Amino acid sequence: MRLGYMISKTGIHALAALTKLASLDKGEYAGAADIADEVGAPRNYLGKLLKTLANNGLLVSQKGFNGGFRLARPADEISLFDVVEQIDKVSRWGNCFMSSGRCSESEPCAVHTRWKSIRENYLGFLHETTIEDLLQKKVGF
């Protein structure tokens, strides 16, 4: 599966950036511009994205000489869901696929059972897959 089909471009850039940060030595920081160049993202855009991820606790940022960003916790403790949820709000997928309302087990819409299965599998994948998995190329995007 190619993640790019199910995650926004911003989400893909965030995952790529965190994967690059996961390859740093412990305590080392990388600048937003360097990361942007490596992942092929516009510098200002990625800098703002990394700042948002830092504000939400996934990254640590440091200003000044040798400053930049690093992961706030080990890569094997950061799931794809942790990252993608902040950008794409995938938890909202609890709503009915066919309408703005909610269907339920007792009053399902026409695709309720199939959508529920897809949603649960996808969200499970995001929860179970980590930045470390991306770093080790267990999953590609």
C-alpha atoms as a PDB file:
ATOM      1  CA  MET A   1       0.000   0.000   0.000  1.00  0.00           C
ATOM      2  CA  ARG A   2       1.225   3.496  -0.774  1.00  0.00           C
ATOM      3  CA  LEU A   3       0.427   5.809   2.132  1.00  0.00           C
ATOM      4  CA  GLY A   4       0.253   8.778  -0.223  1.00  0.00           C
ATOM      5  CA  TYR A   5      -3.156   7.630  -1.393  1.00  0.00           C
ATOM      6  CA  MET A   6      -4.688   7.823   2.080  1.00  0.00           C
ATOM      7  CA  ILE A   7      -2.757  10.604   3.802  1.00  0.00           C
ATOM      8  CA  SER A   8      -2.569  14.249   2.742  1.00  0.00           C
ATOM      9  CA  LYS A   9       0.594  15.653   1.208  1.00  0.00           C
ATOM     10  CA  THR A  10       1.166  17.586   4.449  1.00  0.00           C
ATOM     11  CA  GLY A  11       0.859  14.334   6.381  1.00  0.00           C
ATOM     12  CA  ILE A  12       3.372  12.657   4.077  1.00  0.00           C
ATOM     13  CA  HIS A  13       5.818  15.550   4.548  1.00  0.00           C
ATOM     14  CA  ALA A  14       5.405  15.315   8.322  1.00  0.00           C
ATOM     15  CA  LEU A  15       6.051  11.565   8.322  1.00  0.00           C
ATOM     16  CA  ALA A  16       9.077  11.970   6.053  1.00  0.00           C
ATOM     17  CA  ALA A  17      10.451  14.744   8.286  1.00  0.00           C
ATOM     18  CA  LEU A  18       9.995  12.699  11.454  1.00  0.00           C
ATOM     19  CA  THR A  19      11.664   9.742   9.770  1.00  0.00           C
ATOM     20  CA  LYS A  20      14.665  11.954   8.945  1.00  0.00           C
ATOM     21  CA  LEU A  21      14.725  13.210  12.538  1.00  0.00           C
ATOM     22  CA  ALA A  22      14.612   9.609  13.788  1.00  0.00           C
ATOM     23  CA  SER A  23      17.932   8.984  12.045  1.00  0.00           C
ATOM     24  CA  LEU A  24      19.730  11.649  14.092  1.00  0.00           C
ATOM     25  CA  ASP A  25      22.089  10.760  16.903  1.00  0.00           C
ATOM     26  CA  LYS A  26      20.637  11.091  20.387  1.00  0.00           C
ATOM     27  CA  GLY A  27      20.401  14.753  21.436  1.00  0.00           C
ATOM     28  CA  GLU A  28      21.235  16.027  17.931  1.00  0.00           C
ATOM     29  CA  TYR A  29      19.024  18.644  16.251  1.00  0.00           C
ATOM     30  CA  ALA A  30      18.336  19.303  12.572  1.00  0.00           C
ATOM     31  CA  GLY A  31      17.253  22.589  11.037  1.00  0.00           C
ATOM     32  CA  ALA A  32      13.928  22.897   9.261  1.00  0.00           C
ATOM     33  CA  ALA A  33      15.571  24.076   6.023  1.00  0.00           C
ATOM     34  CA  ASP A  34      17.862  21.029   5.896  1.00  0.00           C
ATOM     35  CA  ILE A  35      14.975  18.668   6.559  1.00  0.00           C
ATOM     36  CA  ALA A  36      12.823  20.431   3.944  1.00  0.00           C
ATOM     37  CA  ASP A  37      15.549  20.028   1.343  1.00  0.00           C
ATOM     38  CA  GLU A  38      15.918  16.328   2.177  1.00  0.00           C
ATOM     39  CA  VAL A  39      12.193  15.533   1.999  1.00  0.00           C
ATOM     40  CA  GLY A  40      11.420  17.818  -0.947  1.00  0.00           C
ATOM     41  CA  ALA A  41       9.105  20.201   0.895  1.00  0.00           C
ATOM     42  CA  PRO A  42       9.042  24.010   0.745  1.00  0.00           C
ATOM     43  CA  ARG A  43      11.185  25.399   3.563  1.00  0.00           C
ATOM     44  CA  ASN A  44       8.715  27.873   5.109  1.00  0.00           C
ATOM     45  CA  TYR A  45       5.880  25.381   4.908  1.00  0.00           C
ATOM     46  CA  LEU A  46       7.867  22.604   6.573  1.00  0.00           C
ATOM     47  CA  GLY A  47       9.220  24.970   9.224  1.00  0.00           C
ATOM     48  CA  LYS A  48       5.656  25.902  10.231  1.00  0.00           C
ATOM     49  CA  LEU A  49       4.613  22.254  10.172  1.00  0.00           C
ATOM     50  CA  LEU A  50       7.520  21.227  12.417  1.00  0.00           C
ATOM     51  CA  LYS A  51       6.717  24.057  14.820  1.00  0.00           C
ATOM     52  CA  THR A  52       3.117  22.827  15.023  1.00  0.00           C
ATOM     53  CA  LEU A  53       4.321  19.286  15.732  1.00  0.00           C
ATOM     54  CA  ALA A  54       6.649  20.656  18.417  1.00  0.00           C
ATOM     55  CA  ASN A  55       3.801  22.635  19.982  1.00  0.00           C
ATOM     56  CA  ASN A  56       1.790  19.404  20.092  1.00  0.00           C
ATOM     57  CA  GLY A  57       4.561  17.464  21.840  1.00  0.00           C
ATOM     58  CA  LEU A  58       5.957  15.277  19.064  1.00  0.00           C
ATOM     59  CA  LEU A  59       9.132  17.307  18.574  1.00  0.00           C
ATOM     60  CA  VAL A  60      11.495  19.346  20.692  1.00  0.00           C
ATOM     61  CA  SER A  61      12.720  22.597  19.195  1.00  0.00           C
ATOM     62  CA  GLN A  62      15.787  24.583  20.147  1.00  0.00           C
ATOM     63  CA  LYS A  63      16.751  28.008  18.872  1.00  0.00           C
ATOM     64  CA  GLY A  64      20.241  29.254  18.220  1.00  0.00           C
ATOM     65  CA  PHE A  65      23.519  27.693  17.183  1.00  0.00           C
ATOM     66  CA  ASN A  66      23.124  23.930  16.619  1.00  0.00           C
ATOM     67  CA  GLY A  67      19.400  24.358  17.143  1.00  0.00           C
ATOM     68  CA  GLY A  68      16.522  22.939  15.186  1.00  0.00           C
ATOM     69  CA  PHE A  69      14.245  20.003  15.849  1.00  0.00           C
ATOM     70  CA  ARG A  70      14.492  16.482  17.233  1.00  0.00           C
ATOM     71  CA  LEU A  71      11.977  13.842  18.242  1.00  0.00           C
ATOM     72  CA  ALA A  72      10.427  14.348  21.678  1.00  0.00           C
ATOM     73  CA  ARG A  73      10.403  10.599  22.328  1.00  0.00           C
ATOM     74  CA  PRO A  74      11.872   7.474  20.711  1.00  0.00           C
ATOM     75  CA  ALA A  75      10.775   6.727  17.146  1.00  0.00           C
ATOM     76  CA  ASP A  76       9.298   3.393  18.183  1.00  0.00           C
ATOM     77  CA  GLU A  77       6.943   5.258  20.535  1.00  0.00           C
ATOM     78  CA  ILE A  78       5.548   7.611  17.865  1.00  0.00           C
ATOM     79  CA  SER A  79       2.797   6.033  15.799  1.00  0.00           C
ATOM     80  CA  LEU A  80       1.714   7.234  12.402  1.00  0.00           C
ATOM     81  CA  PHE A  81      -1.625   8.028  14.038  1.00  0.00           C
ATOM     82  CA  ASP A  82       0.137  10.392  16.486  1.00  0.00           C
ATOM     83  CA  VAL A  83       1.408  12.387  13.514  1.00  0.00           C
ATOM     84  CA  VAL A  84      -1.409  12.110  10.986  1.00  0.00           C
ATOM     85  CA  GLU A  85      -4.158  12.858  13.505  1.00  0.00           C
ATOM     86  CA  GLN A  86      -2.677  16.294  14.157  1.00  0.00           C
ATOM     87  CA  ILE A  87      -2.789  17.095  10.453  1.00  0.00           C
ATOM     88  CA  ASP A  88      -5.594  15.116   8.830  1.00  0.00           C
ATOM     89  CA  LYS A  89      -7.859  14.575  11.879  1.00  0.00           C
ATOM     90  CA  VAL A  90      -8.469  10.953  10.885  1.00  0.00           C
ATOM     91  CA  SER A  91     -10.326  10.290  14.138  1.00  0.00           C
ATOM     92  CA  ARG A  92     -13.267  12.142  12.550  1.00  0.00           C
ATOM     93  CA  TRP A  93     -13.720   9.107  10.344  1.00  0.00           C
ATOM     94  CA  GLY A  94     -16.249   7.879  12.905  1.00  0.00           C
ATOM     95  CA  ASN A  95     -18.971   9.672  10.982  1.00  0.00           C
ATOM     96  CA  CYS A  96     -21.154   7.919   8.481  1.00  0.00           C
ATOM     97  CA  PHE A  97     -19.632   7.514   5.051  1.00  0.00           C
ATOM     98  CA  MET A  98     -22.896   8.235   3.224  1.00  0.00           C
ATOM     99  CA  SER A  99     -24.307  11.216   5.094  1.00  0.00           C
ATOM    100  CA  SER A 100     -23.442  13.977   7.521  1.00  0.00           C
ATOM    101  CA  GLY A 101     -25.290  12.127  10.267  1.00  0.00           C
ATOM    102  CA  ARG A 102     -24.241   9.037  12.124  1.00  0.00           C
ATOM    103  CA  CYS A 103     -25.509   5.619  11.326  1.00  0.00           C
ATOM    104  CA  SER A 104     -25.243   2.846  13.877  1.00  0.00           C
ATOM    105  CA  GLU A 105     -25.226  -0.895  14.253  1.00  0.00           C
ATOM    106  CA  SER A 106     -28.964  -0.776  14.905  1.00  0.00           C
ATOM    107  CA  GLU A 107     -29.656   1.667  12.032  1.00  0.00           C
ATOM    108  CA  PRO A 108     -26.873   1.158   9.485  1.00  0.00           C
ATOM    109  CA  CYS A 109     -26.557   3.024   6.225  1.00  0.00           C
ATOM    110  CA  ALA A 110     -26.099   1.153   2.949  1.00  0.00           C
ATOM    111  CA  VAL A 111     -22.309   0.830   3.341  1.00  0.00           C
ATOM    112  CA  HIS A 112     -22.020   0.841   7.153  1.00  0.00           C
ATOM    113  CA  THR A 113     -20.528  -2.637   7.553  1.00  0.00           C
ATOM    114  CA  ARG A 114     -17.996  -2.290   4.744  1.00  0.00           C
ATOM    115  CA  TRP A 115     -16.945   1.249   5.750  1.00  0.00           C
ATOM    116  CA  LYS A 116     -16.583   0.218   9.400  1.00  0.00           C
ATOM    117  CA  SER A 117     -14.194  -2.556   8.409  1.00  0.00           C
ATOM    118  CA  ILE A 118     -12.101  -0.275   6.188  1.00  0.00           C
ATOM    119  CA  ARG A 119     -12.001   2.471   8.826  1.00  0.00           C
ATOM    120  CA  GLU A 120     -11.001   0.080  11.620  1.00  0.00           C
ATOM    121  CA  ASN A 121      -8.255  -1.538   9.524  1.00  0.00           C
ATOM    122  CA  TYR A 122      -6.832   1.796   8.400  1.00  0.00           C
ATOM    123  CA  LEU A 123      -6.883   3.361  11.865  1.00  0.00           C
ATOM    124  CA  GLY A 124      -5.403   0.148  13.288  1.00  0.00           C
ATOM    125  CA  PHE A 125      -2.579   0.365  10.752  1.00  0.00           C
ATOM    126  CA  LEU A 126      -1.877   3.973  11.767  1.00  0.00           C
ATOM    127  CA  HIS A 127      -1.867   3.070  15.476  1.00  0.00           C
ATOM    128  CA  GLU A 128       0.343  -0.006  15.037  1.00  0.00           C
ATOM    129  CA  THR A 129       2.928   1.455  12.649  1.00  0.00           C
ATOM    130  CA  THR A 130       5.654   3.688  14.058  1.00  0.00           C
ATOM    131  CA  ILE A 131       8.195   6.170  12.798  1.00  0.00           C
ATOM    132  CA  GLU A 132      10.788   3.491  13.592  1.00  0.00           C
ATOM    133  CA  ASP A 133       9.005   1.164  11.141  1.00  0.00           C
ATOM    134  CA  LEU A 134       9.362   3.843   8.452  1.00  0.00           C
ATOM    135  CA  LEU A 135      13.005   4.377   9.372  1.00  0.00           C
ATOM    136  CA  GLN A 136      13.682   0.648   9.107  1.00  0.00           C
ATOM    137  CA  LYS A 137      11.761   0.571   5.793  1.00  0.00           C
ATOM    138  CA  LYS A 138       9.188  -1.849   7.154  1.00  0.00           C
ATOM    139  CA  VAL A 139       6.624   0.396   5.480  1.00  0.00           C
ATOM    140  CA  GLY A 140       7.226   2.679   2.525  1.00  0.00           C
ATOM    141  CA  PHE A 141       5.490   5.811   1.296  1.00  0.00           C
END
